[in-house]
Protein backbone atom coordinates (compact mmCIF):
# COMPACT_ATOMS: atom_id res chain seq x y z
CA UNK A 1 0.00 0.00 0.00
CA UNK A 2 1.32 3.41 -0.96
CA UNK A 3 -0.30 6.56 0.40
CA UNK A 4 0.28 10.14 -0.66
CA UNK A 5 -1.47 13.38 0.19
CA UNK A 6 -0.92 14.39 -3.42
CA UNK A 7 -1.65 12.45 -6.61
CA UNK A 8 0.04 9.55 -8.38
CA UNK A 9 1.49 10.05 -11.83
CA UNK A 10 -0.13 8.31 -14.81
CA UNK A 11 3.01 6.15 -15.05
CA UNK A 12 2.58 4.98 -11.43
CA UNK A 13 -1.10 4.19 -11.99
CA UNK A 14 -0.21 2.22 -15.13
CA UNK A 15 2.67 0.40 -13.43
CA UNK A 16 0.55 -1.11 -10.64
CA UNK A 17 -1.84 -2.59 -13.23
CA UNK A 18 1.03 -4.38 -14.99
CA UNK A 19 2.88 -5.99 -12.07
CA UNK A 20 2.15 -9.34 -10.48
CA UNK A 21 2.08 -8.14 -6.87
CA UNK A 22 -0.96 -6.22 -5.70
CA UNK A 23 -0.23 -2.62 -4.74
CA UNK A 24 -2.98 -0.29 -3.57
CA UNK A 25 -2.44 3.39 -4.33
CA UNK A 26 -4.28 5.84 -2.07
CA UNK A 27 -4.05 9.46 -3.18
CA UNK A 28 -4.93 12.55 -1.19
CA UNK A 29 -8.58 12.61 -2.30
CA UNK A 30 -9.14 8.93 -1.43
CA UNK A 31 -7.27 9.39 1.86
CA UNK A 32 -9.60 12.27 2.80
CA UNK A 33 -12.67 10.15 1.88
CA UNK A 34 -11.44 7.27 4.06
CA UNK A 35 -10.72 9.61 6.97
CA UNK A 36 -14.26 11.03 6.76
CA UNK A 37 -15.90 7.61 6.30
CA UNK A 38 -14.12 6.12 9.32
CA UNK A 39 -14.06 9.24 11.51
CA UNK A 40 -10.28 9.43 11.72
CA UNK A 41 -8.79 12.87 12.29
CA UNK A 42 -12.12 14.62 11.71
CA UNK A 43 -14.90 16.01 13.88
CA UNK A 44 -18.54 16.77 13.15
CA UNK A 45 -19.01 20.48 12.59
CA UNK A 46 -22.72 20.64 11.79
CA UNK A 47 -25.38 17.95 11.92
CA UNK A 48 -28.84 18.10 10.37
CA UNK A 49 -31.95 16.17 11.33
CA UNK A 50 -34.58 15.71 8.65
CA UNK A 51 -38.05 14.66 9.74
CA UNK A 52 -40.94 13.36 7.70
CA UNK A 53 -44.59 12.98 8.52
CA UNK A 54 -45.54 9.52 9.82
CA UNK A 55 -48.90 8.91 8.12
CA UNK A 56 -49.46 5.71 10.13
CA UNK A 57 -49.59 7.75 13.32
CA UNK A 58 -52.67 9.60 12.09
CA UNK A 59 -54.61 6.62 10.71
CA UNK A 60 -57.77 5.70 12.59
CA UNK A 61 -58.13 2.20 13.90
CA UNK A 62 -61.27 0.32 12.84
PDB file of N, CA and C in Angstrom:
ATOM      1  N   UNK A   1       0.851  -1.153   0.000  1.00  0.00           N
ATOM      2  CA  UNK A   1       0.000   0.000   0.000  1.00  0.00           C
ATOM      3  C   UNK A   1       0.903   1.223   0.000  1.00  0.00           C
ATOM      4  N   UNK A   2       0.598   2.141  -0.893  1.00  0.00           N
ATOM      5  CA  UNK A   2       1.323   3.409  -0.961  1.00  0.00           C
ATOM      6  C   UNK A   2       0.309   4.534  -0.795  1.00  0.00           C
ATOM      7  N   UNK A   3       0.603   5.446   0.117  1.00  0.00           N
ATOM      8  CA  UNK A   3      -0.298   6.558   0.404  1.00  0.00           C
ATOM      9  C   UNK A   3       0.441   7.861   0.160  1.00  0.00           C
ATOM     10  N   UNK A   4      -0.253   8.794  -0.485  1.00  0.00           N
ATOM     11  CA  UNK A   4       0.278  10.136  -0.664  1.00  0.00           C
ATOM     12  C   UNK A   4      -0.838  11.141  -0.407  1.00  0.00           C
ATOM     13  N   UNK A   5      -0.472  12.323   0.036  1.00  0.00           N
ATOM     14  CA  UNK A   5      -1.473  13.375   0.192  1.00  0.00           C
ATOM     15  C   UNK A   5      -1.644  14.127  -1.125  1.00  0.00           C
ATOM     16  N   UNK A   6      -0.867  13.759  -2.107  1.00  0.00           N
ATOM     17  CA  UNK A   6      -0.924  14.393  -3.422  1.00  0.00           C
ATOM     18  C   UNK A   6      -1.624  13.449  -4.398  1.00  0.00           C
ATOM     19  N   UNK A   7      -1.095  13.341  -5.600  1.00  0.00           N
ATOM     20  CA  UNK A   7      -1.649  12.446  -6.613  1.00  0.00           C
ATOM     21  C   UNK A   7      -0.542  11.576  -7.167  1.00  0.00           C
ATOM     22  N   UNK A   8      -0.931  10.427  -7.727  1.00  0.00           N
ATOM     23  CA  UNK A   8       0.037   9.551  -8.377  1.00  0.00           C
ATOM     24  C   UNK A   8       0.113   9.903  -9.856  1.00  0.00           C
ATOM     25  N   UNK A   9       1.296   9.755 -10.413  1.00  0.00           N
ATOM     26  CA  UNK A   9       1.486  10.054 -11.832  1.00  0.00           C
ATOM     27  C   UNK A   9       0.781   8.988 -12.678  1.00  0.00           C
ATOM     28  N   UNK A  10       0.463   9.314 -13.922  1.00  0.00           N
ATOM     29  CA  UNK A  10      -0.126   8.308 -14.813  1.00  0.00           C
ATOM     30  C   UNK A  10       0.764   7.076 -14.954  1.00  0.00           C
ATOM     31  N   UNK A  11       2.079   7.283 -14.952  1.00  0.00           N
ATOM     32  CA  UNK A  11       3.006   6.145 -15.052  1.00  0.00           C
ATOM     33  C   UNK A  11       2.874   5.221 -13.838  1.00  0.00           C
ATOM     34  N   UNK A  12       2.731   5.791 -12.642  1.00  0.00           N
ATOM     35  CA  UNK A  12       2.584   4.983 -11.431  1.00  0.00           C
ATOM     36  C   UNK A  12       1.276   4.202 -11.470  1.00  0.00           C
ATOM     37  N   UNK A  13       0.195   4.866 -11.892  1.00  0.00           N
ATOM     38  CA  UNK A  13      -1.098   4.189 -11.992  1.00  0.00           C
ATOM     39  C   UNK A  13      -1.038   3.050 -12.997  1.00  0.00           C
ATOM     40  N   UNK A  14      -0.357   3.257 -14.111  1.00  0.00           N
ATOM     41  CA  UNK A  14      -0.207   2.216 -15.133  1.00  0.00           C
ATOM     42  C   UNK A  14       0.659   1.074 -14.622  1.00  0.00           C
ATOM     43  N   UNK A  15       1.731   1.402 -13.924  1.00  0.00           N
ATOM     44  CA  UNK A  15       2.673   0.397 -13.429  1.00  0.00           C
ATOM     45  C   UNK A  15       2.003  -0.634 -12.521  1.00  0.00           C
ATOM     46  N   UNK A  16       1.165  -0.170 -11.590  1.00  0.00           N
ATOM     47  CA  UNK A  16       0.554  -1.110 -10.644  1.00  0.00           C
ATOM     48  C   UNK A  16      -0.439  -2.045 -11.325  1.00  0.00           C
ATOM     49  N   UNK A  17      -0.930  -1.682 -12.506  1.00  0.00           N
ATOM     50  CA  UNK A  17      -1.835  -2.589 -13.226  1.00  0.00           C
ATOM     51  C   UNK A  17      -1.067  -3.672 -13.973  1.00  0.00           C
ATOM     52  N   UNK A  18       0.231  -3.441 -14.197  1.00  0.00           N
ATOM     53  CA  UNK A  18       1.026  -4.379 -14.988  1.00  0.00           C
ATOM     54  C   UNK A  18       1.879  -5.339 -14.168  1.00  0.00           C
ATOM     55  N   UNK A  19       2.003  -5.122 -12.873  1.00  0.00           N
ATOM     56  CA  UNK A  19       2.879  -5.986 -12.072  1.00  0.00           C
ATOM     57  C   UNK A  19       2.075  -7.106 -11.428  1.00  0.00           C
ATOM     58  N   UNK A  20       2.788  -8.162 -11.062  1.00  0.00           N
ATOM     59  CA  UNK A  20       2.150  -9.345 -10.482  1.00  0.00           C
ATOM     60  C   UNK A  20       1.660  -9.091  -9.051  1.00  0.00           C
ATOM     61  N   UNK A  21       2.453  -8.413  -8.269  1.00  0.00           N
ATOM     62  CA  UNK A  21       2.085  -8.139  -6.874  1.00  0.00           C
ATOM     63  C   UNK A  21       1.019  -7.060  -6.816  1.00  0.00           C
ATOM     64  N   UNK A  22       0.128  -7.183  -5.855  1.00  0.00           N
ATOM     65  CA  UNK A  22      -0.962  -6.224  -5.700  1.00  0.00           C
ATOM     66  C   UNK A  22      -0.490  -5.033  -4.870  1.00  0.00           C
ATOM     67  N   UNK A  23      -0.561  -3.850  -5.442  1.00  0.00           N
ATOM     68  CA  UNK A  23      -0.228  -2.619  -4.739  1.00  0.00           C
ATOM     69  C   UNK A  23      -1.453  -1.710  -4.790  1.00  0.00           C
ATOM     70  N   UNK A  24      -1.852  -1.205  -3.645  1.00  0.00           N
ATOM     71  CA  UNK A  24      -2.977  -0.286  -3.569  1.00  0.00           C
ATOM     72  C   UNK A  24      -2.428   1.122  -3.450  1.00  0.00           C
ATOM     73  N   UNK A  25      -2.863   1.989  -4.353  1.00  0.00           N
ATOM     74  CA  UNK A  25      -2.436   3.387  -4.326  1.00  0.00           C
ATOM     75  C   UNK A  25      -3.573   4.224  -3.754  1.00  0.00           C
ATOM     76  N   UNK A  26      -3.285   4.967  -2.697  1.00  0.00           N
ATOM     77  CA  UNK A  26      -4.281   5.838  -2.074  1.00  0.00           C
ATOM     78  C   UNK A  26      -3.764   7.271  -2.184  1.00  0.00           C
ATOM     79  N   UNK A  27      -4.473   8.066  -3.008  1.00  0.00           N
ATOM     80  CA  UNK A  27      -4.054   9.459  -3.184  1.00  0.00           C
ATOM     81  C   UNK A  27      -4.727  10.342  -2.143  1.00  0.00           C
ATOM     82  N   UNK A  28      -4.422  11.613  -2.188  1.00  0.00           N
ATOM     83  CA  UNK A  28      -4.934  12.546  -1.188  1.00  0.00           C
ATOM     84  C   UNK A  28      -6.449  12.584  -1.118  1.00  0.00           C
ATOM     85  N   UNK A  29      -7.116  12.566  -2.273  1.00  0.00           N
ATOM     86  CA  UNK A  29      -8.578  12.615  -2.299  1.00  0.00           C
ATOM     87  C   UNK A  29      -9.177  11.362  -1.657  1.00  0.00           C
ATOM     88  N   UNK A  30      -8.644  10.189  -2.014  1.00  0.00           N
ATOM     89  CA  UNK A  30      -9.137   8.935  -1.432  1.00  0.00           C
ATOM     90  C   UNK A  30      -8.817   8.877   0.059  1.00  0.00           C
ATOM     91  N   UNK A  31      -7.655   9.368   0.448  1.00  0.00           N
ATOM     92  CA  UNK A  31      -7.274   9.394   1.858  1.00  0.00           C
ATOM     93  C   UNK A  31      -8.266  10.239   2.656  1.00  0.00           C
ATOM     94  N   UNK A  32      -8.632  11.403   2.126  1.00  0.00           N
ATOM     95  CA  UNK A  32      -9.605  12.270   2.802  1.00  0.00           C
ATOM     96  C   UNK A  32     -10.959  11.569   2.913  1.00  0.00           C
ATOM     97  N   UNK A  33     -11.395  10.892   1.847  1.00  0.00           N
ATOM     98  CA  UNK A  33     -12.665  10.146   1.878  1.00  0.00           C
ATOM     99  C   UNK A  33     -12.637   9.075   2.966  1.00  0.00           C
ATOM    100  N   UNK A  34     -11.554   8.326   3.049  1.00  0.00           N
ATOM    101  CA  UNK A  34     -11.441   7.270   4.060  1.00  0.00           C
ATOM    102  C   UNK A  34     -11.445   7.851   5.467  1.00  0.00           C
ATOM    103  N   UNK A  35     -10.757   8.973   5.656  1.00  0.00           N
ATOM    104  CA  UNK A  35     -10.725   9.610   6.974  1.00  0.00           C
ATOM    105  C   UNK A  35     -12.128  10.039   7.393  1.00  0.00           C
ATOM    106  N   UNK A  36     -12.887  10.599   6.458  1.00  0.00           N
ATOM    107  CA  UNK A  36     -14.256  11.031   6.757  1.00  0.00           C
ATOM    108  C   UNK A  36     -15.146   9.819   7.018  1.00  0.00           C
ATOM    109  N   UNK A  37     -15.058   8.805   6.158  1.00  0.00           N
ATOM    110  CA  UNK A  37     -15.900   7.613   6.303  1.00  0.00           C
ATOM    111  C   UNK A  37     -15.684   6.903   7.637  1.00  0.00           C
ATOM    112  N   UNK A  38     -14.436   6.859   8.101  1.00  0.00           N
ATOM    113  CA  UNK A  38     -14.119   6.116   9.318  1.00  0.00           C
ATOM    114  C   UNK A  38     -13.912   7.017  10.539  1.00  0.00           C
ATOM    115  N   UNK A  39     -14.135   8.321  10.381  1.00  0.00           N
ATOM    116  CA  UNK A  39     -14.057   9.240  11.511  1.00  0.00           C
ATOM    117  C   UNK A  39     -12.673   9.376  12.097  1.00  0.00           C
ATOM    118  N   UNK A  40     -11.659   9.331  11.249  1.00  0.00           N
ATOM    119  CA  UNK A  40     -10.276   9.431  11.721  1.00  0.00           C
ATOM    120  C   UNK A  40      -9.749  10.829  11.425  1.00  0.00           C
ATOM    121  N   UNK A  41      -9.361  11.552  12.461  1.00  0.00           N
ATOM    122  CA  UNK A  41      -8.789  12.875  12.287  1.00  0.00           C
ATOM    123  C   UNK A  41      -9.797  13.933  11.879  1.00  0.00           C
ATOM    124  N   UNK A  42     -11.073  13.653  12.061  1.00  0.00           N
ATOM    125  CA  UNK A  42     -12.120  14.619  11.707  1.00  0.00           C
ATOM    126  C   UNK A  42     -13.115  14.732  12.855  1.00  0.00           C
ATOM    127  N   UNK A  43     -13.828  15.853  12.909  1.00  0.00           N
ATOM    128  CA  UNK A  43     -14.899  16.014  13.881  1.00  0.00           C
ATOM    129  C   UNK A  43     -16.131  16.542  13.158  1.00  0.00           C
ATOM    130  N   UNK A  44     -17.297  16.288  13.729  1.00  0.00           N
ATOM    131  CA  UNK A  44     -18.542  16.769  13.146  1.00  0.00           C
ATOM    132  C   UNK A  44     -18.673  18.250  13.458  1.00  0.00           C
ATOM    133  N   UNK A  45     -18.867  19.046  12.429  1.00  0.00           N
ATOM    134  CA  UNK A  45     -19.006  20.482  12.592  1.00  0.00           C
ATOM    135  C   UNK A  45     -20.479  20.868  12.703  1.00  0.00           C
ATOM    136  N   UNK A  46     -21.295  20.348  11.798  1.00  0.00           N
ATOM    137  CA  UNK A  46     -22.725  20.639  11.789  1.00  0.00           C
ATOM    138  C   UNK A  46     -23.465  19.343  11.480  1.00  0.00           C
ATOM    139  N   UNK A  47     -24.557  19.132  12.158  1.00  0.00           N
ATOM    140  CA  UNK A  47     -25.377  17.949  11.921  1.00  0.00           C
ATOM    141  C   UNK A  47     -26.807  18.390  11.672  1.00  0.00           C
ATOM    142  N   UNK A  48     -27.469  17.757  10.713  1.00  0.00           N
ATOM    143  CA  UNK A  48     -28.841  18.099  10.368  1.00  0.00           C
ATOM    144  C   UNK A  48     -29.751  16.907  10.633  1.00  0.00           C
ATOM    145  N   UNK A  49     -30.945  17.206  11.115  1.00  0.00           N
ATOM    146  CA  UNK A  49     -31.950  16.173  11.328  1.00  0.00           C
ATOM    147  C   UNK A  49     -33.110  16.489  10.403  1.00  0.00           C
ATOM    148  N   UNK A  50     -33.486  15.531   9.580  1.00  0.00           N
ATOM    149  CA  UNK A  50     -34.583  15.715   8.645  1.00  0.00           C
ATOM    150  C   UNK A  50     -35.728  14.813   9.093  1.00  0.00           C
ATOM    151  N   UNK A  51     -36.885  15.408   9.280  1.00  0.00           N
ATOM    152  CA  UNK A  51     -38.047  14.656   9.740  1.00  0.00           C
ATOM    153  C   UNK A  51     -39.072  14.574   8.623  1.00  0.00           C
ATOM    154  N   UNK A  52     -39.854  13.519   8.644  1.00  0.00           N
ATOM    155  CA  UNK A  52     -40.936  13.356   7.697  1.00  0.00           C
ATOM    156  C   UNK A  52     -42.188  12.994   8.472  1.00  0.00           C
ATOM    157  N   UNK A  53     -43.317  13.257   7.891  1.00  0.00           N
ATOM    158  CA  UNK A  53     -44.588  12.977   8.522  1.00  0.00           C
ATOM    159  C   UNK A  53     -44.832  11.469   8.538  1.00  0.00           C
ATOM    160  N   UNK A  54     -45.230  10.937   9.681  1.00  0.00           N
ATOM    161  CA  UNK A  54     -45.536   9.523   9.823  1.00  0.00           C
ATOM    162  C   UNK A  54     -47.046   9.354   9.656  1.00  0.00           C
ATOM    163  N   UNK A  55     -47.473   9.023   8.442  1.00  0.00           N
ATOM    164  CA  UNK A  55     -48.896   8.912   8.121  1.00  0.00           C
ATOM    165  C   UNK A  55     -49.580   7.830   8.955  1.00  0.00           C
ATOM    166  N   UNK A  56     -48.873   6.783   9.315  1.00  0.00           N
ATOM    167  CA  UNK A  56     -49.459   5.706  10.129  1.00  0.00           C
ATOM    168  C   UNK A  56     -49.909   6.223  11.491  1.00  0.00           C
ATOM    169  N   UNK A  57     -49.257   7.195  12.011  1.00  0.00           N
ATOM    170  CA  UNK A  57     -49.591   7.754  13.317  1.00  0.00           C
ATOM    171  C   UNK A  57     -50.995   8.363  13.315  1.00  0.00           C
ATOM    172  N   UNK A  58     -51.390   8.896  12.180  1.00  0.00           N
ATOM    173  CA  UNK A  58     -52.667   9.604  12.092  1.00  0.00           C
ATOM    174  C   UNK A  58     -53.818   8.731  11.567  1.00  0.00           C
ATOM    175  N   UNK A  59     -53.540   7.496  11.199  1.00  0.00           N
ATOM    176  CA  UNK A  59     -54.609   6.620  10.706  1.00  0.00           C
ATOM    177  C   UNK A  59     -55.503   6.194  11.847  1.00  0.00           C
ATOM    178  N   UNK A  60     -56.801   6.141  11.579  1.00  0.00           N
ATOM    179  CA  UNK A  60     -57.771   5.698  12.586  1.00  0.00           C
ATOM    180  C   UNK A  60     -57.835   4.190  12.590  1.00  0.00           C
ATOM    181  N   UNK A  61     -57.973   3.645  13.777  1.00  0.00           N
ATOM    182  CA  UNK A  61     -58.133   2.196  13.896  1.00  0.00           C
ATOM    183  C   UNK A  61     -59.599   1.855  13.719  1.00  0.00           C
ATOM    184  N   UNK A  62     -59.888   0.751  13.054  1.00  0.00           N
ATOM    185  CA  UNK A  62     -61.270   0.321  12.838  1.00  0.00           C
ATOM    186  C   UNK A  62     -61.775  -0.508  13.971  1.00  0.00           C
TER     187      UNK A  62
END
